[in-house]
């Protein structure tokens, strides 16, 4: 993936997202919530609402560890509920780049767990 040269950093938005107490998009939990960057910061993902999803610490850890069931559920959530994110990714990565990125990030790299 090409790394964009600049990304939007918004510390105030990140703080607001942490205090809004939006439930985890995967399990509905409200304990130890944190914003997850859908397009990772390392790949130039911005601190924007379109690029953030609220995850509790357990689900966030499962996504970061590439746990297959969580990654699949998150991928399905993005396609079902987050048209804004899909538009953001297309704008950031080019037409078709958003879909390809989501497949690679959340499906192809997921690890099966026992």
C-alpha atoms as a PDB file:
ATOM      1  CA  UNK A   1       0.000   0.000   0.000  1.00  0.00           C
ATOM      2  CA  UNK A   2       1.320   3.442  -0.798  1.00  0.00           C
ATOM      3  CA  UNK A   3       1.800   5.614   2.272  1.00  0.00           C
ATOM      4  CA  UNK A   4       0.223   9.067   1.859  1.00  0.00           C
ATOM      5  CA  UNK A   5       2.597  11.913   2.629  1.00  0.00           C
ATOM      6  CA  UNK A   6       0.349  13.666   5.166  1.00  0.00           C
ATOM      7  CA  UNK A   7      -2.352  12.685   7.582  1.00  0.00           C
ATOM      8  CA  UNK A   8      -4.808  14.702   9.623  1.00  0.00           C
ATOM      9  CA  UNK A   9      -4.013  14.560  13.327  1.00  0.00           C
ATOM     10  CA  UNK A  10      -6.821  15.755  15.593  1.00  0.00           C
ATOM     11  CA  UNK A  11      -6.103  15.211  19.282  1.00  0.00           C
ATOM     12  CA  UNK A  12      -9.336  16.976  20.272  1.00  0.00           C
ATOM     13  CA  UNK A  13     -11.450  14.603  18.155  1.00  0.00           C
ATOM     14  CA  UNK A  14      -9.684  11.558  19.591  1.00  0.00           C
ATOM     15  CA  UNK A  15     -10.333  12.830  23.116  1.00  0.00           C
ATOM     16  CA  UNK A  16     -13.983  13.528  22.249  1.00  0.00           C
ATOM     17  CA  UNK A  17     -14.442  10.048  20.776  1.00  0.00           C
ATOM     18  CA  UNK A  18     -13.028   8.551  23.975  1.00  0.00           C
ATOM     19  CA  UNK A  19     -15.467  10.497  26.159  1.00  0.00           C
ATOM     20  CA  UNK A  20     -18.600  10.075  24.000  1.00  0.00           C
ATOM     21  CA  UNK A  21     -19.019   6.529  25.301  1.00  0.00           C
ATOM     22  CA  UNK A  22     -20.350   5.169  22.011  1.00  0.00           C
ATOM     23  CA  UNK A  23     -20.698   1.407  22.530  1.00  0.00           C
ATOM     24  CA  UNK A  24     -18.262  -0.986  20.919  1.00  0.00           C
ATOM     25  CA  UNK A  25     -19.352  -1.610  17.328  1.00  0.00           C
ATOM     26  CA  UNK A  26     -18.666  -5.343  17.697  1.00  0.00           C
ATOM     27  CA  UNK A  27     -19.970  -6.380  21.121  1.00  0.00           C
ATOM     28  CA  UNK A  28     -21.895  -3.335  22.374  1.00  0.00           C
ATOM     29  CA  UNK A  29     -19.679  -3.091  25.447  1.00  0.00           C
ATOM     30  CA  UNK A  30     -18.907   0.244  27.091  1.00  0.00           C
ATOM     31  CA  UNK A  31     -15.895  -0.581  29.277  1.00  0.00           C
ATOM     32  CA  UNK A  32     -12.480   0.811  28.310  1.00  0.00           C
ATOM     33  CA  UNK A  33     -13.477   2.103  24.890  1.00  0.00           C
ATOM     34  CA  UNK A  34     -10.918   3.399  22.435  1.00  0.00           C
ATOM     35  CA  UNK A  35     -11.004   4.725  18.894  1.00  0.00           C
ATOM     36  CA  UNK A  36      -9.687   2.277  16.292  1.00  0.00           C
ATOM     37  CA  UNK A  37      -8.184   3.694  13.091  1.00  0.00           C
ATOM     38  CA  UNK A  38      -9.718   1.743  10.204  1.00  0.00           C
ATOM     39  CA  UNK A  39      -6.994   2.900   7.809  1.00  0.00           C
ATOM     40  CA  UNK A  40      -4.035   2.586  10.139  1.00  0.00           C
ATOM     41  CA  UNK A  41      -2.044   5.639  11.108  1.00  0.00           C
ATOM     42  CA  UNK A  42       1.053   3.922   9.695  1.00  0.00           C
ATOM     43  CA  UNK A  43      -0.672   3.908   6.283  1.00  0.00           C
ATOM     44  CA  UNK A  44      -1.630   7.579   6.564  1.00  0.00           C
ATOM     45  CA  UNK A  45      -5.046   7.114   8.184  1.00  0.00           C
ATOM     46  CA  UNK A  46      -6.499  10.349   9.484  1.00  0.00           C
ATOM     47  CA  UNK A  47      -8.034  11.194  12.832  1.00  0.00           C
ATOM     48  CA  UNK A  48     -11.501  11.706  11.332  1.00  0.00           C
ATOM     49  CA  UNK A  49     -14.863  10.238  12.269  1.00  0.00           C
ATOM     50  CA  UNK A  50     -14.948   8.412   8.931  1.00  0.00           C
ATOM     51  CA  UNK A  51     -11.733   6.605   9.837  1.00  0.00           C
ATOM     52  CA  UNK A  52     -12.534   5.795  13.465  1.00  0.00           C
ATOM     53  CA  UNK A  53     -14.628   3.092  15.072  1.00  0.00           C
ATOM     54  CA  UNK A  54     -15.350   2.691  18.773  1.00  0.00           C
ATOM     55  CA  UNK A  55     -14.049  -0.625  20.136  1.00  0.00           C
ATOM     56  CA  UNK A  56     -13.778  -1.842  23.701  1.00  0.00           C
ATOM     57  CA  UNK A  57     -10.362  -3.032  24.821  1.00  0.00           C
ATOM     58  CA  UNK A  58     -11.092  -6.724  24.285  1.00  0.00           C
ATOM     59  CA  UNK A  59     -12.392  -6.281  20.719  1.00  0.00           C
ATOM     60  CA  UNK A  60      -9.645  -3.764  19.904  1.00  0.00           C
ATOM     61  CA  UNK A  61      -7.020  -6.254  21.034  1.00  0.00           C
ATOM     62  CA  UNK A  62      -8.665  -9.041  18.999  1.00  0.00           C
ATOM     63  CA  UNK A  63      -8.618  -6.846  15.865  1.00  0.00           C
ATOM     64  CA  UNK A  64      -4.979  -5.877  16.411  1.00  0.00           C
ATOM     65  CA  UNK A  65      -4.045  -9.552  16.913  1.00  0.00           C
ATOM     66  CA  UNK A  66      -5.958 -10.354  13.693  1.00  0.00           C
ATOM     67  CA  UNK A  67      -8.332 -12.788  15.416  1.00  0.00           C
ATOM     68  CA  UNK A  68     -10.376 -14.197  12.551  1.00  0.00           C
ATOM     69  CA  UNK A  69     -13.917 -14.028  13.975  1.00  0.00           C
ATOM     70  CA  UNK A  70     -13.467 -10.428  15.178  1.00  0.00           C
ATOM     71  CA  UNK A  71     -11.860  -9.287  11.927  1.00  0.00           C
ATOM     72  CA  UNK A  72     -14.649 -10.871   9.878  1.00  0.00           C
ATOM     73  CA  UNK A  73     -17.332  -9.281  12.078  1.00  0.00           C
ATOM     74  CA  UNK A  74     -15.610  -5.893  11.830  1.00  0.00           C
ATOM     75  CA  UNK A  75     -15.312  -6.169   8.033  1.00  0.00           C
ATOM     76  CA  UNK A  76     -19.018  -6.993   7.792  1.00  0.00           C
ATOM     77  CA  UNK A  77     -19.892  -4.082  10.093  1.00  0.00           C
ATOM     78  CA  UNK A  78     -17.928  -1.663   7.899  1.00  0.00           C
ATOM     79  CA  UNK A  79     -19.704  -2.791   4.741  1.00  0.00           C
ATOM     80  CA  UNK A  80     -23.137  -2.882   6.381  1.00  0.00           C
ATOM     81  CA  UNK A  81     -23.018   0.301   8.482  1.00  0.00           C
ATOM     82  CA  UNK A  82     -20.191   2.593   7.371  1.00  0.00           C
ATOM     83  CA  UNK A  83     -20.725   4.003   3.919  1.00  0.00           C
ATOM     84  CA  UNK A  84     -18.876   7.118   5.126  1.00  0.00           C
ATOM     85  CA  UNK A  85     -15.793   5.007   5.775  1.00  0.00           C
ATOM     86  CA  UNK A  86     -15.955   3.365   2.364  1.00  0.00           C
ATOM     87  CA  UNK A  87     -16.110   6.818   0.710  1.00  0.00           C
ATOM     88  CA  UNK A  88     -13.218   8.014   2.894  1.00  0.00           C
ATOM     89  CA  UNK A  89     -11.070   5.033   1.907  1.00  0.00           C
ATOM     90  CA  UNK A  90     -11.855   5.477  -1.793  1.00  0.00           C
ATOM     91  CA  UNK A  91     -10.817   9.128  -1.524  1.00  0.00           C
ATOM     92  CA  UNK A  92      -7.645   8.252   0.328  1.00  0.00           C
ATOM     93  CA  UNK A  93      -6.611   5.172  -1.650  1.00  0.00           C
ATOM     94  CA  UNK A  94      -8.297   5.671  -5.016  1.00  0.00           C
ATOM     95  CA  UNK A  95     -11.216   3.890  -6.623  1.00  0.00           C
ATOM     96  CA  UNK A  96     -11.230   0.239  -5.601  1.00  0.00           C
ATOM     97  CA  UNK A  97      -8.410   0.834  -3.133  1.00  0.00           C
ATOM     98  CA  UNK A  98     -10.731   1.000  -0.144  1.00  0.00           C
ATOM     99  CA  UNK A  99     -12.349  -2.355  -0.822  1.00  0.00           C
ATOM    100  CA  UNK A 100      -8.990  -3.974  -1.489  1.00  0.00           C
ATOM    101  CA  UNK A 101      -7.510  -2.505   1.697  1.00  0.00           C
ATOM    102  CA  UNK A 102     -10.407  -3.721   3.859  1.00  0.00           C
ATOM    103  CA  UNK A 103     -10.176  -7.232   2.413  1.00  0.00           C
ATOM    104  CA  UNK A 104      -6.425  -7.405   2.989  1.00  0.00           C
ATOM    105  CA  UNK A 105      -6.520  -5.782   6.433  1.00  0.00           C
ATOM    106  CA  UNK A 106      -9.493  -7.566   7.941  1.00  0.00           C
ATOM    107  CA  UNK A 107      -9.966 -10.791   5.981  1.00  0.00           C
ATOM    108  CA  UNK A 108      -6.765 -11.916   4.269  1.00  0.00           C
ATOM    109  CA  UNK A 109      -4.501 -11.240   7.235  1.00  0.00           C
ATOM    110  CA  UNK A 110      -6.868 -12.675   9.875  1.00  0.00           C
ATOM    111  CA  UNK A 111      -5.576 -15.623  11.845  1.00  0.00           C
ATOM    112  CA  UNK A 112      -7.765 -18.559  12.749  1.00  0.00           C
ATOM    113  CA  UNK A 113      -7.986 -19.135  16.482  1.00  0.00           C
ATOM    114  CA  UNK A 114      -8.861 -22.326  18.298  1.00  0.00           C
END
